[in-house]
PDB file of N, CA and C in Angstrom:
ATOM      1  N   UNK A   1       8.106   8.861 -46.124  1.00  0.00           N
ATOM      2  CA  UNK A   1       8.657   9.871 -47.008  1.00  0.00           C
ATOM      3  C   UNK A   1       9.117  11.032 -46.253  1.00  0.00           C
ATOM      4  N   UNK A   2       8.500  11.401 -45.098  1.00  0.00           N
ATOM      5  CA  UNK A   2       9.030  12.518 -44.340  1.00  0.00           C
ATOM      6  C   UNK A   2      10.451  12.324 -43.880  1.00  0.00           C
ATOM      7  N   UNK A   3      10.725  11.088 -43.491  1.00  0.00           N
ATOM      8  CA  UNK A   3      12.173  10.780 -43.133  1.00  0.00           C
ATOM      9  C   UNK A   3      13.123  10.818 -44.309  1.00  0.00           C
ATOM     10  N   UNK A   4      12.700  10.412 -45.386  1.00  0.00           N
ATOM     11  CA  UNK A   4      13.541  10.444 -46.605  1.00  0.00           C
ATOM     12  C   UNK A   4      13.730  11.879 -47.047  1.00  0.00           C
ATOM     13  N   UNK A   5      12.712  12.706 -46.904  1.00  0.00           N
ATOM     14  CA  UNK A   5      12.830  14.136 -47.207  1.00  0.00           C
ATOM     15  C   UNK A   5      13.839  14.821 -46.311  1.00  0.00           C
ATOM     16  N   UNK A   6      13.836  14.513 -45.022  1.00  0.00           N
ATOM     17  CA  UNK A   6      14.683  15.103 -44.020  1.00  0.00           C
ATOM     18  C   UNK A   6      16.120  14.798 -44.356  1.00  0.00           C
ATOM     19  N   UNK A   7      16.382  13.640 -44.982  1.00  0.00           N
ATOM     20  CA  UNK A   7      17.747  13.224 -45.299  1.00  0.00           C
ATOM     21  C   UNK A   7      18.309  13.780 -46.625  1.00  0.00           C
ATOM     22  N   UNK A   8      17.498  14.628 -47.370  1.00  0.00           N
ATOM     23  CA  UNK A   8      17.916  15.083 -48.617  1.00  0.00           C
ATOM     24  C   UNK A   8      18.222  16.627 -48.488  1.00  0.00           C
ATOM     25  N   UNK A   9      19.469  16.962 -48.410  1.00  0.00           N
ATOM     26  CA  UNK A   9      19.841  18.422 -48.212  1.00  0.00           C
ATOM     27  C   UNK A   9      19.482  19.219 -49.428  1.00  0.00           C
ATOM     28  N   UNK A  10      19.592  18.607 -50.636  1.00  0.00           N
ATOM     29  CA  UNK A  10      19.274  19.396 -51.821  1.00  0.00           C
ATOM     30  C   UNK A  10      17.716  19.760 -51.861  1.00  0.00           C
ATOM     31  N   UNK A  11      16.921  18.815 -51.361  1.00  0.00           N
ATOM     32  CA  UNK A  11      15.460  19.177 -51.285  1.00  0.00           C
ATOM     33  C   UNK A  11      15.189  20.143 -50.267  1.00  0.00           C
ATOM     34  N   UNK A  12      15.974  20.188 -49.205  1.00  0.00           N
ATOM     35  CA  UNK A  12      15.757  21.178 -48.191  1.00  0.00           C
ATOM     36  C   UNK A  12      16.024  22.652 -48.757  1.00  0.00           C
ATOM     37  N   UNK A  13      17.070  22.661 -49.642  1.00  0.00           N
ATOM     38  CA  UNK A  13      17.332  23.952 -50.324  1.00  0.00           C
ATOM     39  C   UNK A  13      16.232  24.282 -51.353  1.00  0.00           C
ATOM     40  N   UNK A  14      15.860  23.299 -52.116  1.00  0.00           N
ATOM     41  CA  UNK A  14      14.804  23.616 -53.128  1.00  0.00           C
ATOM     42  C   UNK A  14      13.507  24.039 -52.482  1.00  0.00           C
ATOM     43  N   UNK A  15      13.110  23.481 -51.310  1.00  0.00           N
ATOM     44  CA  UNK A  15      11.902  23.807 -50.649  1.00  0.00           C
ATOM     45  C   UNK A  15      11.938  24.828 -49.585  1.00  0.00           C
ATOM     46  N   UNK A  16      13.141  25.490 -49.493  1.00  0.00           N
ATOM     47  CA  UNK A  16      13.373  26.443 -48.398  1.00  0.00           C
ATOM     48  C   UNK A  16      12.295  27.500 -48.310  1.00  0.00           C
ATOM     49  N   UNK A  17      11.611  27.845 -49.399  1.00  0.00           N
ATOM     50  CA  UNK A  17      10.577  28.911 -49.459  1.00  0.00           C
ATOM     51  C   UNK A  17       9.211  28.290 -49.489  1.00  0.00           C
ATOM     52  N   UNK A  18       9.086  26.954 -49.375  1.00  0.00           N
ATOM     53  CA  UNK A  18       7.795  26.286 -49.529  1.00  0.00           C
ATOM     54  C   UNK A  18       7.265  25.997 -48.207  1.00  0.00           C
ATOM     55  N   UNK A  19       6.213  26.714 -47.786  1.00  0.00           N
ATOM     56  CA  UNK A  19       5.467  26.473 -46.497  1.00  0.00           C
ATOM     57  C   UNK A  19       3.989  26.512 -46.839  1.00  0.00           C
ATOM     58  N   UNK A  20       3.485  25.388 -47.171  1.00  0.00           N
ATOM     59  CA  UNK A  20       2.115  25.314 -47.570  1.00  0.00           C
ATOM     60  C   UNK A  20       1.497  23.967 -47.092  1.00  0.00           C
ATOM     61  N   UNK A  21       0.249  23.857 -47.162  1.00  0.00           N
ATOM     62  CA  UNK A  21      -0.505  22.590 -46.916  1.00  0.00           C
ATOM     63  C   UNK A  21      -1.036  22.079 -48.263  1.00  0.00           C
ATOM     64  N   UNK A  22      -0.664  20.803 -48.550  1.00  0.00           N
ATOM     65  CA  UNK A  22      -1.057  20.153 -49.825  1.00  0.00           C
ATOM     66  C   UNK A  22      -1.929  18.966 -49.484  1.00  0.00           C
ATOM     67  N   UNK A  23      -2.990  18.876 -50.317  1.00  0.00           N
ATOM     68  CA  UNK A  23      -3.882  17.733 -50.082  1.00  0.00           C
ATOM     69  C   UNK A  23      -3.465  16.678 -51.064  1.00  0.00           C
ATOM     70  N   UNK A  24      -3.172  15.501 -50.545  1.00  0.00           N
ATOM     71  CA  UNK A  24      -2.794  14.345 -51.368  1.00  0.00           C
ATOM     72  C   UNK A  24      -3.982  13.328 -51.098  1.00  0.00           C
ATOM     73  N   UNK A  25      -4.751  13.127 -52.206  1.00  0.00           N
ATOM     74  CA  UNK A  25      -5.829  12.127 -52.092  1.00  0.00           C
ATOM     75  C   UNK A  25      -5.461  10.921 -52.925  1.00  0.00           C
ATOM     76  N   UNK A  26      -5.449   9.749 -52.289  1.00  0.00           N
ATOM     77  CA  UNK A  26      -5.049   8.595 -52.931  1.00  0.00           C
ATOM     78  C   UNK A  26      -6.278   7.550 -52.777  1.00  0.00           C
ATOM     79  N   UNK A  27      -6.893   7.380 -53.918  1.00  0.00           N
ATOM     80  CA  UNK A  27      -7.987   6.393 -53.937  1.00  0.00           C
ATOM     81  C   UNK A  27      -9.120   6.776 -52.951  1.00  0.00           C
ATOM     82  N   UNK A  28      -9.351   8.037 -52.738  1.00  0.00           N
ATOM     83  CA  UNK A  28     -10.424   8.526 -51.873  1.00  0.00           C
ATOM     84  C   UNK A  28      -9.977   8.816 -50.439  1.00  0.00           C
ATOM     85  N   UNK A  29      -8.815   8.287 -50.058  1.00  0.00           N
ATOM     86  CA  UNK A  29      -8.227   8.620 -48.722  1.00  0.00           C
ATOM     87  C   UNK A  29      -7.527   9.949 -48.849  1.00  0.00           C
ATOM     88  N   UNK A  30      -7.778  10.869 -47.922  1.00  0.00           N
ATOM     89  CA  UNK A  30      -7.191  12.199 -47.930  1.00  0.00           C
ATOM     90  C   UNK A  30      -6.048  12.322 -46.899  1.00  0.00           C
ATOM     91  N   UNK A  31      -5.003  12.935 -47.258  1.00  0.00           N
ATOM     92  CA  UNK A  31      -3.854  13.252 -46.371  1.00  0.00           C
ATOM     93  C   UNK A  31      -3.470  14.713 -46.590  1.00  0.00           C
ATOM     94  N   UNK A  32      -3.343  15.473 -45.567  1.00  0.00           N
ATOM     95  CA  UNK A  32      -2.983  16.870 -45.631  1.00  0.00           C
ATOM     96  C   UNK A  32      -1.461  16.892 -45.202  1.00  0.00           C
ATOM     97  N   UNK A  33      -0.652  17.266 -46.183  1.00  0.00           N
ATOM     98  CA  UNK A  33       0.780  17.290 -45.929  1.00  0.00           C
ATOM     99  C   UNK A  33       1.140  18.748 -45.626  1.00  0.00           C
ATOM    100  N   UNK A  34       1.565  18.981 -44.414  1.00  0.00           N
ATOM    101  CA  UNK A  34       1.893  20.341 -43.923  1.00  0.00           C
ATOM    102  C   UNK A  34       3.387  20.534 -44.036  1.00  0.00           C
ATOM    103  N   UNK A  35       3.755  21.328 -45.014  1.00  0.00           N
ATOM    104  CA  UNK A  35       5.182  21.642 -45.260  1.00  0.00           C
ATOM    105  C   UNK A  35       5.550  22.946 -44.548  1.00  0.00           C
ATOM    106  N   UNK A  36       6.744  23.045 -44.003  1.00  0.00           N
ATOM    107  CA  UNK A  36       7.281  24.267 -43.419  1.00  0.00           C
ATOM    108  C   UNK A  36       8.740  24.367 -43.879  1.00  0.00           C
ATOM    109  N   UNK A  37       8.989  25.360 -44.726  1.00  0.00           N
ATOM    110  CA  UNK A  37      10.327  25.576 -45.284  1.00  0.00           C
ATOM    111  C   UNK A  37      10.924  24.269 -45.826  1.00  0.00           C
ATOM    112  N   UNK A  38      10.114  23.599 -46.626  1.00  0.00           N
ATOM    113  CA  UNK A  38      10.566  22.399 -47.331  1.00  0.00           C
ATOM    114  C   UNK A  38      10.697  21.162 -46.501  1.00  0.00           C
ATOM    115  N   UNK A  39      10.211  21.110 -45.260  1.00  0.00           N
ATOM    116  CA  UNK A  39      10.169  19.914 -44.428  1.00  0.00           C
ATOM    117  C   UNK A  39       8.721  19.605 -44.082  1.00  0.00           C
ATOM    118  N   UNK A  40       8.526  18.342 -43.887  1.00  0.00           N
ATOM    119  CA  UNK A  40       7.144  17.869 -43.464  1.00  0.00           C
ATOM    120  C   UNK A  40       6.966  18.177 -41.985  1.00  0.00           C
ATOM    121  N   UNK A  41       6.074  19.080 -41.671  1.00  0.00           N
ATOM    122  CA  UNK A  41       5.835  19.389 -40.276  1.00  0.00           C
ATOM    123  C   UNK A  41       4.813  18.488 -39.664  1.00  0.00           C
ATOM    124  N   UNK A  42       3.807  18.088 -40.497  1.00  0.00           N
ATOM    125  CA  UNK A  42       2.780  17.218 -39.995  1.00  0.00           C
ATOM    126  C   UNK A  42       2.018  16.637 -41.188  1.00  0.00           C
ATOM    127  N   UNK A  43       1.480  15.414 -40.967  1.00  0.00           N
ATOM    128  CA  UNK A  43       0.632  14.751 -41.976  1.00  0.00           C
ATOM    129  C   UNK A  43      -0.646  14.477 -41.207  1.00  0.00           C
ATOM    130  N   UNK A  44      -1.708  15.088 -41.685  1.00  0.00           N
ATOM    131  CA  UNK A  44      -3.048  14.981 -41.037  1.00  0.00           C
ATOM    132  C   UNK A  44      -3.922  14.089 -41.938  1.00  0.00           C
ATOM    133  N   UNK A  45      -4.506  13.051 -41.337  1.00  0.00           N
ATOM    134  CA  UNK A  45      -5.411  12.250 -42.190  1.00  0.00           C
ATOM    135  C   UNK A  45      -6.789  13.053 -42.348  1.00  0.00           C
ATOM    136  N   UNK A  46      -7.426  12.784 -43.416  1.00  0.00           N
ATOM    137  CA  UNK A  46      -8.680  13.479 -43.715  1.00  0.00           C
ATOM    138  C   UNK A  46      -9.804  12.408 -43.706  1.00  0.00           C
ATOM    139  N   UNK A  47     -10.942  12.749 -44.141  1.00  0.00           N
ATOM    140  CA  UNK A  47     -11.319  13.988 -44.832  1.00  0.00           C
ATOM    141  C   UNK A  47     -11.608  15.111 -43.733  1.00  0.00           C
ATOM    142  N   UNK A  48     -11.405  16.352 -44.196  1.00  0.00           N
ATOM    143  CA  UNK A  48     -11.739  17.510 -43.323  1.00  0.00           C
ATOM    144  C   UNK A  48     -12.049  18.716 -44.212  1.00  0.00           C
ATOM    145  N   UNK A  49     -13.074  19.389 -43.889  1.00  0.00           N
ATOM    146  CA  UNK A  49     -13.381  20.600 -44.606  1.00  0.00           C
ATOM    147  C   UNK A  49     -12.819  21.829 -43.873  1.00  0.00           C
ATOM    148  N   UNK A  50     -12.143  21.606 -42.732  1.00  0.00           N
ATOM    149  CA  UNK A  50     -11.643  22.673 -41.907  1.00  0.00           C
ATOM    150  C   UNK A  50     -10.168  22.994 -42.257  1.00  0.00           C
ATOM    151  N   UNK A  51      -9.546  22.109 -42.897  1.00  0.00           N
ATOM    152  CA  UNK A  51      -8.136  22.271 -43.166  1.00  0.00           C
ATOM    153  C   UNK A  51      -7.929  22.917 -44.556  1.00  0.00           C
ATOM    154  N   UNK A  52      -7.479  24.155 -44.635  1.00  0.00           N
ATOM    155  CA  UNK A  52      -7.233  24.771 -45.906  1.00  0.00           C
ATOM    156  C   UNK A  52      -5.962  24.227 -46.593  1.00  0.00           C
ATOM    157  N   UNK A  53      -6.046  24.049 -47.896  1.00  0.00           N
ATOM    158  CA  UNK A  53      -4.872  23.627 -48.642  1.00  0.00           C
ATOM    159  C   UNK A  53      -4.686  24.508 -49.769  1.00  0.00           C
ATOM    160  N   UNK A  54      -3.407  24.495 -50.322  1.00  0.00           N
ATOM    161  CA  UNK A  54      -3.053  25.447 -51.372  1.00  0.00           C
ATOM    162  C   UNK A  54      -3.281  24.762 -52.731  1.00  0.00           C
ATOM    163  N   UNK A  55      -2.899  23.518 -52.885  1.00  0.00           N
ATOM    164  CA  UNK A  55      -3.263  22.714 -54.085  1.00  0.00           C
ATOM    165  C   UNK A  55      -3.392  21.254 -53.736  1.00  0.00           C
ATOM    166  N   UNK A  56      -3.936  20.492 -54.594  1.00  0.00           N
ATOM    167  CA  UNK A  56      -4.350  19.151 -54.316  1.00  0.00           C
ATOM    168  C   UNK A  56      -3.870  18.237 -55.517  1.00  0.00           C
ATOM    169  N   UNK A  57      -3.343  17.104 -55.142  1.00  0.00           N
ATOM    170  CA  UNK A  57      -3.020  16.085 -56.116  1.00  0.00           C
ATOM    171  C   UNK A  57      -3.899  14.900 -55.766  1.00  0.00           C
ATOM    172  N   UNK A  58      -4.789  14.547 -56.682  1.00  0.00           N
ATOM    173  CA  UNK A  58      -5.758  13.425 -56.474  1.00  0.00           C
ATOM    174  C   UNK A  58      -5.383  12.351 -57.486  1.00  0.00           C
ATOM    175  N   UNK A  59      -5.207  11.166 -56.991  1.00  0.00           N
ATOM    176  CA  UNK A  59      -4.745  10.056 -57.894  1.00  0.00           C
ATOM    177  C   UNK A  59      -5.266   8.733 -57.367  1.00  0.00           C
ATOM    178  N   UNK A  60      -5.590   7.755 -58.260  1.00  0.00           N
ATOM    179  CA  UNK A  60      -5.986   6.444 -57.744  1.00  0.00           C
ATOM    180  C   UNK A  60      -4.780   5.639 -57.257  1.00  0.00           C
ATOM    181  N   UNK A  61      -5.041   4.730 -56.364  1.00  0.00           N
ATOM    182  CA  UNK A  61      -4.009   3.995 -55.620  1.00  0.00           C
ATOM    183  C   UNK A  61      -3.029   3.264 -56.560  1.00  0.00           C
ATOM    184  N   UNK A  62      -3.646   2.584 -57.576  1.00  0.00           N
ATOM    185  CA  UNK A  62      -2.891   1.785 -58.474  1.00  0.00           C
ATOM    186  C   UNK A  62      -1.913   2.623 -59.308  1.00  0.00           C
ATOM    187  N   UNK A  63      -2.358   3.872 -59.681  1.00  0.00           N
ATOM    188  CA  UNK A  63      -1.549   4.707 -60.520  1.00  0.00           C
ATOM    189  C   UNK A  63      -0.399   5.161 -59.664  1.00  0.00           C
ATOM    190  N   UNK A  64      -0.643   5.579 -58.375  1.00  0.00           N
ATOM    191  CA  UNK A  64       0.440   6.000 -57.503  1.00  0.00           C
ATOM    192  C   UNK A  64       1.432   4.909 -57.294  1.00  0.00           C
ATOM    193  N   UNK A  65       1.015   3.666 -57.129  1.00  0.00           N
ATOM    194  CA  UNK A  65       1.945   2.557 -56.992  1.00  0.00           C
ATOM    195  C   UNK A  65       2.794   2.351 -58.222  1.00  0.00           C
ATOM    196  N   UNK A  66       2.203   2.552 -59.453  1.00  0.00           N
ATOM    197  CA  UNK A  66       2.976   2.494 -60.636  1.00  0.00           C
ATOM    198  C   UNK A  66       3.988   3.606 -60.716  1.00  0.00           C
ATOM    199  N   UNK A  67       3.598   4.797 -60.307  1.00  0.00           N
ATOM    200  CA  UNK A  67       4.509   5.957 -60.222  1.00  0.00           C
ATOM    201  C   UNK A  67       5.741   5.670 -59.315  1.00  0.00           C
ATOM    202  N   UNK A  68       5.486   4.957 -58.234  1.00  0.00           N
ATOM    203  CA  UNK A  68       6.560   4.657 -57.298  1.00  0.00           C
ATOM    204  C   UNK A  68       7.385   3.452 -57.679  1.00  0.00           C
ATOM    205  N   UNK A  69       7.108   2.778 -58.785  1.00  0.00           N
ATOM    206  CA  UNK A  69       8.036   1.670 -59.232  1.00  0.00           C
ATOM    207  C   UNK A  69       9.375   2.270 -59.511  1.00  0.00           C
ATOM    208  N   UNK A  70      10.484   1.514 -59.340  1.00  0.00           N
ATOM    209  CA  UNK A  70      11.844   2.046 -59.588  1.00  0.00           C
ATOM    210  C   UNK A  70      11.992   2.650 -60.953  1.00  0.00           C
ATOM    211  N   UNK A  71      11.435   2.085 -61.987  1.00  0.00           N
ATOM    212  CA  UNK A  71      11.413   2.655 -63.347  1.00  0.00           C
ATOM    213  C   UNK A  71       9.991   2.665 -63.887  1.00  0.00           C
ATOM    214  N   UNK A  72       9.276   3.720 -63.614  1.00  0.00           N
ATOM    215  CA  UNK A  72       7.804   3.735 -64.008  1.00  0.00           C
ATOM    216  C   UNK A  72       7.612   3.658 -65.446  1.00  0.00           C
ATOM    217  N   UNK A  73       6.546   3.057 -65.842  1.00  0.00           N
ATOM    218  CA  UNK A  73       6.247   3.002 -67.335  1.00  0.00           C
ATOM    219  C   UNK A  73       5.683   4.373 -67.805  1.00  0.00           C
ATOM    220  N   UNK A  74       5.711   4.568 -69.137  1.00  0.00           N
ATOM    221  CA  UNK A  74       5.208   5.803 -69.706  1.00  0.00           C
ATOM    222  C   UNK A  74       3.847   6.111 -69.138  1.00  0.00           C
ATOM    223  N   UNK A  75       3.608   7.373 -68.854  1.00  0.00           N
ATOM    224  CA  UNK A  75       2.316   7.847 -68.321  1.00  0.00           C
ATOM    225  C   UNK A  75       2.266   7.817 -66.807  1.00  0.00           C
ATOM    226  N   UNK A  76       3.232   7.124 -66.198  1.00  0.00           N
ATOM    227  CA  UNK A  76       3.277   7.110 -64.769  1.00  0.00           C
ATOM    228  C   UNK A  76       4.629   7.611 -64.172  1.00  0.00           C
ATOM    229  N   UNK A  77       5.420   8.195 -65.047  1.00  0.00           N
ATOM    230  CA  UNK A  77       6.755   8.669 -64.657  1.00  0.00           C
ATOM    231  C   UNK A  77       6.694  10.058 -64.046  1.00  0.00           C
ATOM    232  N   UNK A  78       5.586  10.761 -64.054  1.00  0.00           N
ATOM    233  CA  UNK A  78       5.545  12.121 -63.707  1.00  0.00           C
ATOM    234  C   UNK A  78       4.113  12.437 -63.092  1.00  0.00           C
ATOM    235  N   UNK A  79       4.001  13.445 -62.241  1.00  0.00           N
ATOM    236  CA  UNK A  79       2.746  13.698 -61.663  1.00  0.00           C
ATOM    237  C   UNK A  79       1.750  14.222 -62.723  1.00  0.00           C
ATOM    238  N   UNK A  80       2.229  14.907 -63.743  1.00  0.00           N
ATOM    239  CA  UNK A  80       1.326  15.376 -64.771  1.00  0.00           C
ATOM    240  C   UNK A  80       0.851  14.212 -65.728  1.00  0.00           C
ATOM    241  N   UNK A  81       1.562  13.103 -65.668  1.00  0.00           N
ATOM    242  CA  UNK A  81       1.110  11.946 -66.352  1.00  0.00           C
ATOM    243  C   UNK A  81      -0.161  11.414 -65.821  1.00  0.00           C
ATOM    244  N   UNK A  82      -0.449  11.558 -64.575  1.00  0.00           N
ATOM    245  CA  UNK A  82      -1.712  11.135 -63.957  1.00  0.00           C
ATOM    246  C   UNK A  82      -2.872  11.856 -64.658  1.00  0.00           C
ATOM    247  N   UNK A  83      -2.632  13.167 -64.871  1.00  0.00           N
ATOM    248  CA  UNK A  83      -3.712  13.995 -65.467  1.00  0.00           C
ATOM    249  C   UNK A  83      -3.923  13.600 -66.936  1.00  0.00           C
ATOM    250  N   UNK A  84      -2.754  13.453 -67.577  1.00  0.00           N
ATOM    251  CA  UNK A  84      -2.848  13.082 -68.993  1.00  0.00           C
ATOM    252  C   UNK A  84      -3.539  11.759 -69.309  1.00  0.00           C
ATOM    253  N   UNK A  85      -3.346  10.810 -68.462  1.00  0.00           N
ATOM    254  CA  UNK A  85      -3.895   9.477 -68.629  1.00  0.00           C
ATOM    255  C   UNK A  85      -5.271   9.328 -67.948  1.00  0.00           C
ATOM    256  N   UNK A  86      -5.770  10.464 -67.344  1.00  0.00           N
ATOM    257  CA  UNK A  86      -7.063  10.345 -66.656  1.00  0.00           C
ATOM    258  C   UNK A  86      -7.075   9.650 -65.368  1.00  0.00           C
ATOM    259  N   UNK A  87      -5.851   9.374 -64.820  1.00  0.00           N
ATOM    260  CA  UNK A  87      -5.804   8.627 -63.495  1.00  0.00           C
ATOM    261  C   UNK A  87      -5.675   9.595 -62.316  1.00  0.00           C
ATOM    262  N   UNK A  88      -5.693  10.881 -62.555  1.00  0.00           N
ATOM    263  CA  UNK A  88      -5.581  11.802 -61.515  1.00  0.00           C
ATOM    264  C   UNK A  88      -5.889  13.260 -61.875  1.00  0.00           C
ATOM    265  N   UNK A  89      -5.856  14.094 -60.900  1.00  0.00           N
ATOM    266  CA  UNK A  89      -6.127  15.532 -61.188  1.00  0.00           C
ATOM    267  C   UNK A  89      -5.290  16.381 -60.172  1.00  0.00           C
ATOM    268  N   UNK A  90      -5.011  17.610 -60.702  1.00  0.00           N
ATOM    269  CA  UNK A  90      -4.337  18.612 -59.911  1.00  0.00           C
ATOM    270  C   UNK A  90      -5.279  19.831 -59.779  1.00  0.00           C
ATOM    271  N   UNK A  91      -5.559  20.179 -58.612  1.00  0.00           N
ATOM    272  CA  UNK A  91      -6.490  21.341 -58.408  1.00  0.00           C
ATOM    273  C   UNK A  91      -5.903  22.359 -57.460  1.00  0.00           C
ATOM    274  N   UNK A  92      -6.565  23.503 -57.428  1.00  0.00           N
ATOM    275  CA  UNK A  92      -6.198  24.572 -56.480  1.00  0.00           C
ATOM    276  C   UNK A  92      -5.271  25.569 -57.120  1.00  0.00           C
ATOM    277  N   UNK A  93      -4.355  26.159 -56.343  1.00  0.00           N
ATOM    278  CA  UNK A  93      -3.437  27.163 -56.754  1.00  0.00           C
ATOM    279  C   UNK A  93      -2.264  26.612 -57.549  1.00  0.00           C
ATOM    280  N   UNK A  94      -2.472  26.480 -58.845  1.00  0.00           N
ATOM    281  CA  UNK A  94      -1.456  25.836 -59.729  1.00  0.00           C
ATOM    282  C   UNK A  94      -0.117  26.671 -59.681  1.00  0.00           C
ATOM    283  N   UNK A  95      -0.246  27.960 -59.579  1.00  0.00           N
ATOM    284  CA  UNK A  95       0.912  28.826 -59.481  1.00  0.00           C
ATOM    285  C   UNK A  95       1.837  28.371 -58.280  1.00  0.00           C
ATOM    286  N   UNK A  96       1.269  28.123 -57.185  1.00  0.00           N
ATOM    287  CA  UNK A  96       2.003  27.649 -56.035  1.00  0.00           C
ATOM    288  C   UNK A  96       2.718  26.350 -56.326  1.00  0.00           C
ATOM    289  N   UNK A  97       2.082  25.416 -57.093  1.00  0.00           N
ATOM    290  CA  UNK A  97       2.731  24.205 -57.496  1.00  0.00           C
ATOM    291  C   UNK A  97       3.893  24.480 -58.440  1.00  0.00           C
ATOM    292  N   UNK A  98       3.592  25.323 -59.508  1.00  0.00           N
ATOM    293  CA  UNK A  98       4.614  25.553 -60.538  1.00  0.00           C
ATOM    294  C   UNK A  98       5.812  26.251 -59.916  1.00  0.00           C
ATOM    295  N   UNK A  99       5.628  27.192 -59.004  1.00  0.00           N
ATOM    296  CA  UNK A  99       6.763  27.866 -58.372  1.00  0.00           C
ATOM    297  C   UNK A  99       7.660  26.865 -57.589  1.00  0.00           C
ATOM    298  N   UNK A 100       7.103  25.774 -57.199  1.00  0.00           N
ATOM    299  CA  UNK A 100       7.813  24.772 -56.348  1.00  0.00           C
ATOM    300  C   UNK A 100       7.798  23.400 -56.997  1.00  0.00           C
ATOM    301  N   UNK A 101       7.697  23.387 -58.330  1.00  0.00           N
ATOM    302  CA  UNK A 101       7.441  22.162 -59.084  1.00  0.00           C
ATOM    303  C   UNK A 101       8.586  21.112 -58.862  1.00  0.00           C
ATOM    304  N   UNK A 102       9.817  21.525 -58.992  1.00  0.00           N
ATOM    305  CA  UNK A 102      10.875  20.491 -58.914  1.00  0.00           C
ATOM    306  C   UNK A 102      10.931  19.940 -57.443  1.00  0.00           C
ATOM    307  N   UNK A 103      10.661  20.791 -56.470  1.00  0.00           N
ATOM    308  CA  UNK A 103      10.652  20.310 -55.117  1.00  0.00           C
ATOM    309  C   UNK A 103       9.538  19.262 -54.918  1.00  0.00           C
ATOM    310  N   UNK A 104       8.349  19.612 -55.351  1.00  0.00           N
ATOM    311  CA  UNK A 104       7.187  18.713 -55.129  1.00  0.00           C
ATOM    312  C   UNK A 104       7.350  17.448 -55.953  1.00  0.00           C
ATOM    313  N   UNK A 105       7.766  17.593 -57.174  1.00  0.00           N
ATOM    314  CA  UNK A 105       7.931  16.359 -57.967  1.00  0.00           C
ATOM    315  C   UNK A 105       9.042  15.385 -57.404  1.00  0.00           C
ATOM    316  N   UNK A 106      10.117  15.977 -56.854  1.00  0.00           N
ATOM    317  CA  UNK A 106      11.107  15.142 -56.268  1.00  0.00           C
ATOM    318  C   UNK A 106      10.722  14.580 -54.924  1.00  0.00           C
ATOM    319  N   UNK A 107       9.836  15.398 -54.239  1.00  0.00           N
ATOM    320  CA  UNK A 107       9.299  14.817 -53.006  1.00  0.00           C
ATOM    321  C   UNK A 107       8.418  13.664 -53.299  1.00  0.00           C
ATOM    322  N   UNK A 108       7.549  13.743 -54.264  1.00  0.00           N
ATOM    323  CA  UNK A 108       6.619  12.696 -54.588  1.00  0.00           C
ATOM    324  C   UNK A 108       7.442  11.474 -55.057  1.00  0.00           C
ATOM    325  N   UNK A 109       8.501  11.706 -55.754  1.00  0.00           N
ATOM    326  CA  UNK A 109       9.326  10.593 -56.244  1.00  0.00           C
ATOM    327  C   UNK A 109      10.111   9.786 -55.151  1.00  0.00           C
ATOM    328  N   UNK A 110      10.130  10.403 -53.966  1.00  0.00           N
ATOM    329  CA  UNK A 110      10.785   9.717 -52.830  1.00  0.00           C
ATOM    330  C   UNK A 110      10.182   8.379 -52.531  1.00  0.00           C
ATOM    331  N   UNK A 111       8.898   8.281 -52.874  1.00  0.00           N
ATOM    332  CA  UNK A 111       8.159   7.036 -52.690  1.00  0.00           C
ATOM    333  C   UNK A 111       8.734   5.864 -53.409  1.00  0.00           C
ATOM    334  N   UNK A 112       9.479   6.146 -54.464  1.00  0.00           N
ATOM    335  CA  UNK A 112      10.114   5.109 -55.236  1.00  0.00           C
ATOM    336  C   UNK A 112      11.151   4.411 -54.400  1.00  0.00           C
ATOM    337  N   UNK A 113      11.821   5.160 -53.479  1.00  0.00           N
ATOM    338  CA  UNK A 113      12.830   4.585 -52.643  1.00  0.00           C
ATOM    339  C   UNK A 113      12.197   3.937 -51.417  1.00  0.00           C
ATOM    340  N   UNK A 114      11.160   4.590 -50.894  1.00  0.00           N
ATOM    341  CA  UNK A 114      10.542   4.126 -49.708  1.00  0.00           C
ATOM    342  C   UNK A 114       9.716   2.808 -49.949  1.00  0.00           C
ATOM    343  N   UNK A 115       9.100   2.690 -51.126  1.00  0.00           N
ATOM    344  CA  UNK A 115       8.284   1.591 -51.482  1.00  0.00           C
ATOM    345  C   UNK A 115       9.130   0.448 -52.082  1.00  0.00           C
ATOM    346  N   UNK A 116      10.353   0.708 -52.469  1.00  0.00           N
ATOM    347  CA  UNK A 116      11.157  -0.343 -53.126  1.00  0.00           C
ATOM    348  C   UNK A 116      11.572  -1.424 -52.129  1.00  0.00           C
TER     349      UNK A 116
END
């Protein structure tokens, strides 16, 4: 996904002000995505209590795979669908997420191309 992100100029513009660490937890496995100006600088595997993160998206593996289908079914078409269906949660600084919502949602949707 980091390579796909680097190839998307519009996402570079959307994320130009986004420099944060995001915790992505998939089925208990933790990944710390370190963004710098809308680019992935590093992906650190977890778990770690020493890595500070701004917000977290926690989701089960099957739900994420459904989200990454080319045309996801209802409830799996959006990251907020995980919360609504009880398959995931969003924690931490929600304002940081909302300020960069389009960037982060489009970044997560890159998995649809990578996994296809």
